[in-house]
N, C-alpha and C. Protein backbone atom coordinates (compact mmCIF):
# COMPACT_ATOMS: atom_id res chain seq x y z
N MET A 1 41.96 -12.49 197.58
CA MET A 1 43.32 -12.51 198.04
C MET A 1 44.21 -11.97 196.93
N ALA A 2 45.12 -11.08 197.29
CA ALA A 2 46.03 -10.46 196.32
C ALA A 2 47.43 -10.43 196.91
N TYR A 3 48.40 -10.45 196.03
CA TYR A 3 49.78 -10.26 196.42
C TYR A 3 50.15 -8.85 196.00
N LEU A 4 50.69 -8.05 196.91
CA LEU A 4 51.00 -6.66 196.66
C LEU A 4 52.50 -6.42 196.69
N LEU A 5 52.98 -5.72 195.69
CA LEU A 5 54.36 -5.27 195.63
C LEU A 5 54.34 -3.74 195.58
N THR A 6 55.06 -3.10 196.45
CA THR A 6 55.10 -1.64 196.46
C THR A 6 56.55 -1.19 196.29
N PHE A 7 56.73 -0.03 195.67
CA PHE A 7 58.06 0.52 195.47
C PHE A 7 57.93 1.99 195.09
N ALA A 8 59.06 2.67 195.12
CA ALA A 8 59.12 4.08 194.69
C ALA A 8 60.12 4.19 193.56
N THR A 9 59.81 5.06 192.59
CA THR A 9 60.74 5.29 191.49
C THR A 9 60.35 6.55 190.73
N ASP A 10 61.31 7.05 189.97
CA ASP A 10 61.05 8.15 189.05
C ASP A 10 61.19 7.65 187.61
N LYS A 11 61.20 6.33 187.42
CA LYS A 11 61.44 5.71 186.12
C LYS A 11 60.35 5.99 185.09
N PHE A 12 59.11 6.16 185.52
CA PHE A 12 57.99 6.27 184.60
C PHE A 12 57.49 7.71 184.51
N ASP A 13 57.39 8.22 183.29
CA ASP A 13 56.89 9.57 183.05
C ASP A 13 55.38 9.48 182.87
N VAL A 14 54.64 9.76 183.93
CA VAL A 14 53.18 9.59 183.88
C VAL A 14 52.52 10.61 182.96
N SER A 15 53.22 11.68 182.61
CA SER A 15 52.64 12.66 181.68
C SER A 15 52.53 12.09 180.26
N LYS A 16 53.24 11.01 179.99
CA LYS A 16 53.19 10.37 178.67
C LYS A 16 52.22 9.20 178.61
N GLU A 17 51.56 8.90 179.72
CA GLU A 17 50.59 7.81 179.75
C GLU A 17 49.29 8.22 179.07
N THR A 18 48.58 7.23 178.58
CA THR A 18 47.23 7.44 178.09
C THR A 18 46.38 7.91 179.27
N LEU A 19 45.51 8.85 179.05
CA LEU A 19 44.65 9.34 180.12
C LEU A 19 43.72 8.23 180.60
N ASN A 20 43.70 8.00 181.90
CA ASN A 20 42.76 7.05 182.48
C ASN A 20 41.40 7.74 182.49
N ASP A 21 40.49 7.28 181.65
CA ASP A 21 39.20 7.94 181.47
C ASP A 21 38.22 7.70 182.61
N ILE A 22 38.57 6.83 183.54
CA ILE A 22 37.69 6.55 184.67
C ILE A 22 38.10 7.36 185.89
N ASN A 23 39.39 7.36 186.17
CA ASN A 23 39.93 8.04 187.34
C ASN A 23 41.38 8.39 187.01
N PRO A 24 41.81 9.61 187.22
CA PRO A 24 43.16 10.00 186.78
C PRO A 24 44.28 9.41 187.64
N ILE A 25 44.45 8.10 187.56
CA ILE A 25 45.48 7.40 188.30
C ILE A 25 46.43 6.76 187.29
N ALA A 26 47.72 6.90 187.51
CA ALA A 26 48.73 6.33 186.62
C ALA A 26 48.89 4.84 186.86
N GLY A 27 49.49 4.15 185.91
CA GLY A 27 49.77 2.72 186.05
C GLY A 27 50.11 2.05 184.73
N GLU A 28 49.74 2.69 183.63
CA GLU A 28 49.98 2.10 182.32
C GLU A 28 51.47 1.84 182.07
N GLY A 29 52.34 2.78 182.44
CA GLY A 29 53.77 2.63 182.21
C GLY A 29 54.36 1.45 182.95
N VAL A 30 53.97 1.26 184.19
CA VAL A 30 54.46 0.13 184.98
C VAL A 30 54.02 -1.18 184.34
N LEU A 31 52.75 -1.27 183.94
CA LEU A 31 52.26 -2.51 183.32
C LEU A 31 52.94 -2.78 181.99
N ASN A 32 53.20 -1.75 181.19
CA ASN A 32 53.93 -1.96 179.94
C ASN A 32 55.35 -2.45 180.22
N TRP A 33 55.97 -1.92 181.25
CA TRP A 33 57.30 -2.38 181.66
C TRP A 33 57.26 -3.86 182.04
N ILE A 34 56.27 -4.25 182.85
CA ILE A 34 56.12 -5.66 183.24
C ILE A 34 55.84 -6.52 182.01
N ARG A 35 54.93 -6.06 181.17
CA ARG A 35 54.54 -6.81 179.97
C ARG A 35 55.76 -7.12 179.08
N GLU A 36 56.61 -6.14 178.89
CA GLU A 36 57.83 -6.35 178.10
C GLU A 36 58.72 -7.43 178.71
N ARG A 37 58.83 -7.41 180.02
CA ARG A 37 59.71 -8.36 180.70
C ARG A 37 59.12 -9.77 180.80
N LEU A 38 57.82 -9.90 180.62
CA LEU A 38 57.20 -11.22 180.62
C LEU A 38 57.47 -11.98 179.32
N SER A 39 57.85 -11.25 178.27
CA SER A 39 58.13 -11.87 176.98
C SER A 39 59.20 -12.95 177.15
N GLY A 40 58.89 -14.15 176.67
CA GLY A 40 59.84 -15.25 176.73
C GLY A 40 59.86 -16.01 178.05
N THR A 41 58.97 -15.67 178.97
CA THR A 41 58.94 -16.34 180.27
C THR A 41 57.89 -17.44 180.36
N GLY A 42 57.05 -17.56 179.33
CA GLY A 42 55.93 -18.50 179.40
C GLY A 42 54.65 -17.83 179.85
N PHE A 43 54.73 -16.55 180.19
CA PHE A 43 53.55 -15.77 180.56
C PHE A 43 53.29 -14.74 179.48
N GLY A 44 52.02 -14.56 179.13
CA GLY A 44 51.64 -13.55 178.16
C GLY A 44 50.66 -12.59 178.79
N ALA A 45 50.69 -11.34 178.37
CA ALA A 45 49.83 -10.32 178.97
C ALA A 45 49.09 -9.54 177.90
N SER A 46 47.87 -9.16 178.24
CA SER A 46 47.08 -8.29 177.37
C SER A 46 47.59 -6.86 177.49
N ALA A 47 47.11 -6.00 176.63
CA ALA A 47 47.43 -4.58 176.74
C ALA A 47 46.78 -4.02 178.01
N PRO A 48 47.41 -3.08 178.67
CA PRO A 48 46.82 -2.47 179.86
C PRO A 48 45.50 -1.76 179.54
N ALA A 49 44.58 -1.80 180.50
CA ALA A 49 43.29 -1.14 180.39
C ALA A 49 43.00 -0.41 181.70
N THR A 50 42.09 0.57 181.62
CA THR A 50 41.79 1.39 182.80
C THR A 50 40.78 0.73 183.72
N GLU A 51 40.88 1.14 184.97
CA GLU A 51 39.99 0.69 186.04
C GLU A 51 39.87 1.88 186.98
N ASP A 52 38.88 1.90 187.86
CA ASP A 52 38.73 3.07 188.73
C ASP A 52 39.85 3.21 189.76
N TRP A 53 40.58 2.14 190.05
CA TRP A 53 41.69 2.21 191.00
C TRP A 53 43.05 2.31 190.30
N GLY A 54 43.08 2.38 188.96
CA GLY A 54 44.33 2.48 188.23
C GLY A 54 44.26 1.78 186.89
N TRP A 55 45.16 0.84 186.67
CA TRP A 55 45.26 0.11 185.40
C TRP A 55 45.40 -1.38 185.69
N TYR A 56 45.01 -2.21 184.72
CA TYR A 56 45.16 -3.65 184.88
C TYR A 56 45.46 -4.29 183.53
N MET A 57 45.96 -5.52 183.59
CA MET A 57 46.11 -6.35 182.40
C MET A 57 45.87 -7.80 182.80
N ASP A 58 45.42 -8.59 181.85
CA ASP A 58 45.24 -10.01 182.07
C ASP A 58 46.53 -10.72 181.71
N VAL A 59 46.93 -11.66 182.54
CA VAL A 59 48.15 -12.43 182.32
C VAL A 59 47.79 -13.90 182.36
N GLU A 60 48.34 -14.66 181.43
CA GLU A 60 48.13 -16.11 181.40
C GLU A 60 49.45 -16.82 181.26
N GLY A 61 49.54 -17.97 181.92
CA GLY A 61 50.74 -18.79 181.83
C GLY A 61 50.74 -19.85 182.89
N ASN A 62 51.50 -20.90 182.64
CA ASN A 62 51.63 -22.01 183.59
C ASN A 62 50.28 -22.58 183.99
N GLY A 63 49.32 -22.59 183.06
CA GLY A 63 48.01 -23.18 183.33
C GLY A 63 47.10 -22.34 184.20
N ALA A 64 47.43 -21.09 184.39
CA ALA A 64 46.62 -20.22 185.25
C ALA A 64 46.42 -18.86 184.57
N SER A 65 45.41 -18.13 185.05
CA SER A 65 45.18 -16.77 184.57
C SER A 65 45.12 -15.82 185.76
N TYR A 66 45.53 -14.59 185.50
CA TYR A 66 45.70 -13.60 186.56
C TYR A 66 45.20 -12.25 186.09
N LEU A 67 44.92 -11.40 187.04
CA LEU A 67 44.75 -9.99 186.82
C LEU A 67 45.93 -9.33 187.54
N VAL A 68 46.67 -8.50 186.82
CA VAL A 68 47.78 -7.77 187.42
C VAL A 68 47.43 -6.29 187.28
N GLY A 69 47.42 -5.59 188.39
CA GLY A 69 47.06 -4.18 188.39
C GLY A 69 48.20 -3.31 188.87
N ALA A 70 48.13 -2.04 188.51
CA ALA A 70 49.14 -1.08 188.96
C ALA A 70 48.51 0.28 189.17
N SER A 71 48.98 0.97 190.18
CA SER A 71 48.53 2.34 190.42
C SER A 71 49.67 3.12 191.07
N GLY A 72 49.76 4.38 190.70
CA GLY A 72 50.80 5.25 191.23
C GLY A 72 50.20 6.40 192.01
N GLU A 73 50.84 6.73 193.11
CA GLU A 73 50.38 7.82 193.96
C GLU A 73 51.53 8.79 194.19
N PRO A 74 51.29 10.09 194.03
CA PRO A 74 52.35 11.10 194.21
C PRO A 74 52.56 11.44 195.69
N GLU A 75 52.98 10.47 196.47
CA GLU A 75 53.19 10.70 197.91
C GLU A 75 54.55 11.33 198.19
N ARG A 76 55.48 11.14 197.28
CA ARG A 76 56.84 11.63 197.46
C ARG A 76 57.04 12.92 196.66
N PRO A 77 58.11 13.65 196.93
CA PRO A 77 58.40 14.83 196.09
C PRO A 77 58.64 14.40 194.64
N PRO A 78 58.12 15.16 193.67
CA PRO A 78 58.32 14.82 192.26
C PRO A 78 59.81 14.75 191.94
N PRO A 79 60.23 13.91 191.01
CA PRO A 79 59.40 13.13 190.10
C PRO A 79 59.06 11.74 190.61
N ASP A 80 59.42 11.41 191.87
CA ASP A 80 59.13 10.08 192.41
C ASP A 80 57.64 9.85 192.59
N LEU A 81 57.24 8.60 192.41
CA LEU A 81 55.88 8.16 192.74
C LEU A 81 55.98 6.88 193.54
N ASP A 82 55.02 6.66 194.40
CA ASP A 82 54.86 5.38 195.08
C ASP A 82 53.96 4.53 194.21
N TRP A 83 54.37 3.30 193.93
CA TRP A 83 53.63 2.39 193.06
C TRP A 83 53.18 1.16 193.81
N VAL A 84 52.01 0.67 193.45
CA VAL A 84 51.51 -0.60 193.96
C VAL A 84 51.21 -1.48 192.74
N VAL A 85 51.77 -2.67 192.75
CA VAL A 85 51.44 -3.70 191.76
C VAL A 85 50.71 -4.80 192.51
N GLN A 86 49.53 -5.15 192.03
CA GLN A 86 48.75 -6.19 192.69
C GLN A 86 48.55 -7.36 191.74
N ILE A 87 48.63 -8.56 192.30
CA ILE A 87 48.48 -9.79 191.53
C ILE A 87 47.32 -10.57 192.11
N HIS A 88 46.35 -10.88 191.26
CA HIS A 88 45.19 -11.68 191.65
C HIS A 88 45.15 -12.92 190.75
N ARG A 89 44.96 -14.08 191.32
CA ARG A 89 44.81 -15.29 190.52
C ARG A 89 43.33 -15.52 190.27
N ASN A 90 42.94 -15.70 189.02
CA ASN A 90 41.54 -15.98 188.69
C ASN A 90 41.21 -17.42 189.07
N ARG A 91 40.07 -17.59 189.74
CA ARG A 91 39.66 -18.92 190.20
C ARG A 91 38.20 -19.13 189.84
N SER A 92 37.87 -20.36 189.53
CA SER A 92 36.49 -20.71 189.23
C SER A 92 35.66 -20.72 190.51
N LEU A 93 34.35 -20.72 190.35
CA LEU A 93 33.47 -20.81 191.52
C LEU A 93 33.75 -22.09 192.30
N LYS A 94 33.96 -23.17 191.58
CA LYS A 94 34.26 -24.45 192.24
C LYS A 94 35.56 -24.34 193.04
N ASP A 95 36.58 -23.70 192.47
CA ASP A 95 37.85 -23.50 193.18
C ASP A 95 37.62 -22.70 194.46
N LYS A 96 36.81 -21.68 194.36
CA LYS A 96 36.54 -20.84 195.53
C LYS A 96 35.78 -21.61 196.60
N LEU A 97 34.81 -22.41 196.18
CA LEU A 97 34.02 -23.19 197.14
C LEU A 97 34.84 -24.29 197.81
N THR A 98 35.77 -24.85 197.06
CA THR A 98 36.58 -25.95 197.60
C THR A 98 37.92 -25.48 198.16
N GLY A 99 38.22 -24.19 198.01
CA GLY A 99 39.47 -23.65 198.54
C GLY A 99 40.69 -24.00 197.71
N LYS A 100 40.51 -24.36 196.45
CA LYS A 100 41.63 -24.76 195.60
C LYS A 100 42.17 -23.58 194.78
N ASN A 101 43.40 -23.77 194.32
CA ASN A 101 44.07 -22.83 193.41
C ASN A 101 44.18 -21.41 193.96
N LYS A 102 44.37 -21.29 195.26
CA LYS A 102 44.58 -19.97 195.85
C LYS A 102 45.93 -19.42 195.46
N LEU A 103 46.02 -18.11 195.38
CA LEU A 103 47.30 -17.46 195.13
C LEU A 103 48.17 -17.62 196.36
N THR A 104 49.42 -17.98 196.14
CA THR A 104 50.38 -18.14 197.23
C THR A 104 51.64 -17.35 196.91
N ALA A 105 52.46 -17.13 197.91
CA ALA A 105 53.70 -16.37 197.73
C ALA A 105 54.69 -17.11 196.84
N ASP A 106 54.52 -18.44 196.67
CA ASP A 106 55.43 -19.18 195.81
C ASP A 106 54.85 -19.46 194.42
N ASP A 107 53.74 -18.80 194.08
CA ASP A 107 53.16 -18.89 192.75
C ASP A 107 54.23 -18.42 191.75
N LEU A 108 54.32 -19.09 190.61
CA LEU A 108 55.37 -18.76 189.64
C LEU A 108 55.31 -17.30 189.16
N LEU A 109 54.12 -16.77 188.93
CA LEU A 109 54.02 -15.37 188.50
C LEU A 109 54.42 -14.42 189.62
N VAL A 110 54.01 -14.70 190.83
CA VAL A 110 54.38 -13.87 191.98
C VAL A 110 55.90 -13.84 192.12
N VAL A 111 56.53 -15.00 192.07
CA VAL A 111 57.98 -15.09 192.22
C VAL A 111 58.68 -14.32 191.10
N LEU A 112 58.19 -14.48 189.87
CA LEU A 112 58.78 -13.79 188.73
C LEU A 112 58.66 -12.27 188.85
N LEU A 113 57.46 -11.78 189.16
CA LEU A 113 57.27 -10.33 189.27
C LEU A 113 58.06 -9.74 190.43
N GLU A 114 58.11 -10.46 191.53
CA GLU A 114 58.89 -9.96 192.66
C GLU A 114 60.37 -9.89 192.29
N LYS A 115 60.86 -10.89 191.59
CA LYS A 115 62.26 -10.89 191.16
C LYS A 115 62.53 -9.73 190.21
N LEU A 116 61.63 -9.49 189.25
CA LEU A 116 61.80 -8.38 188.31
C LEU A 116 61.82 -7.03 189.02
N ILE A 117 60.87 -6.84 189.92
CA ILE A 117 60.76 -5.55 190.62
C ILE A 117 61.92 -5.34 191.58
N ARG A 118 62.27 -6.36 192.33
CA ARG A 118 63.40 -6.21 193.27
C ARG A 118 64.73 -6.06 192.52
N GLY A 119 64.80 -6.58 191.31
CA GLY A 119 66.03 -6.51 190.54
C GLY A 119 66.23 -5.24 189.74
N GLU A 120 65.23 -4.39 189.67
CA GLU A 120 65.34 -3.13 188.92
C GLU A 120 66.06 -2.08 189.78
N PRO A 121 67.25 -1.66 189.38
CA PRO A 121 68.04 -0.73 190.21
C PRO A 121 67.35 0.60 190.52
N SER A 122 66.46 1.06 189.65
CA SER A 122 65.82 2.36 189.89
C SER A 122 64.59 2.28 190.81
N PHE A 123 64.23 1.06 191.25
CA PHE A 123 63.11 0.90 192.18
C PHE A 123 63.66 0.86 193.60
N ARG A 124 63.09 1.69 194.48
CA ARG A 124 63.54 1.78 195.87
C ARG A 124 62.41 1.41 196.82
N ASP A 125 62.79 1.08 198.03
CA ASP A 125 61.84 0.80 199.11
C ASP A 125 60.81 -0.27 198.69
N VAL A 126 61.30 -1.35 198.10
CA VAL A 126 60.41 -2.43 197.65
C VAL A 126 59.93 -3.23 198.84
N THR A 127 58.60 -3.43 198.90
CA THR A 127 57.99 -4.28 199.91
C THR A 127 57.01 -5.22 199.24
N SER A 128 56.71 -6.31 199.92
CA SER A 128 55.72 -7.26 199.40
C SER A 128 54.90 -7.81 200.56
N GLU A 129 53.65 -8.15 200.24
CA GLU A 129 52.79 -8.75 201.25
C GLU A 129 51.60 -9.45 200.59
N MET A 130 51.13 -10.49 201.24
CA MET A 130 49.91 -11.18 200.82
C MET A 130 48.76 -10.51 201.54
N GLU A 131 47.80 -10.02 200.76
CA GLU A 131 46.63 -9.37 201.32
C GLU A 131 45.50 -10.39 201.39
N ALA A 132 44.84 -10.46 202.49
CA ALA A 132 43.75 -11.42 202.65
C ALA A 132 42.48 -10.95 201.98
């Protein structure tokens, strides 16, 4: 289960990103932007790393750990990109078997990231959804 936030913006210059050595998908800039804004919130994030679907970072806070991913797609005329930020809550095998600690729309990290993204004036067409 993941929480997805999507938006469009020209805020990030993907030509300045580190090359994703697995698959040429952007996302490092968005994660660095999020990482900076998490400072002082009680959540800490690792440096972004590559994945075949984009970029990810580990986030910890409020007694939980998460994977936060980002990927950009050039669906719009340049310089705009469509971005997807995904939030996954890490759960133990026992949690999964017992159905505990599932990610919810009122999770503190979800609420914080949605507030940050919706509050950024240069982000347009923001949507959110819980993916099963």
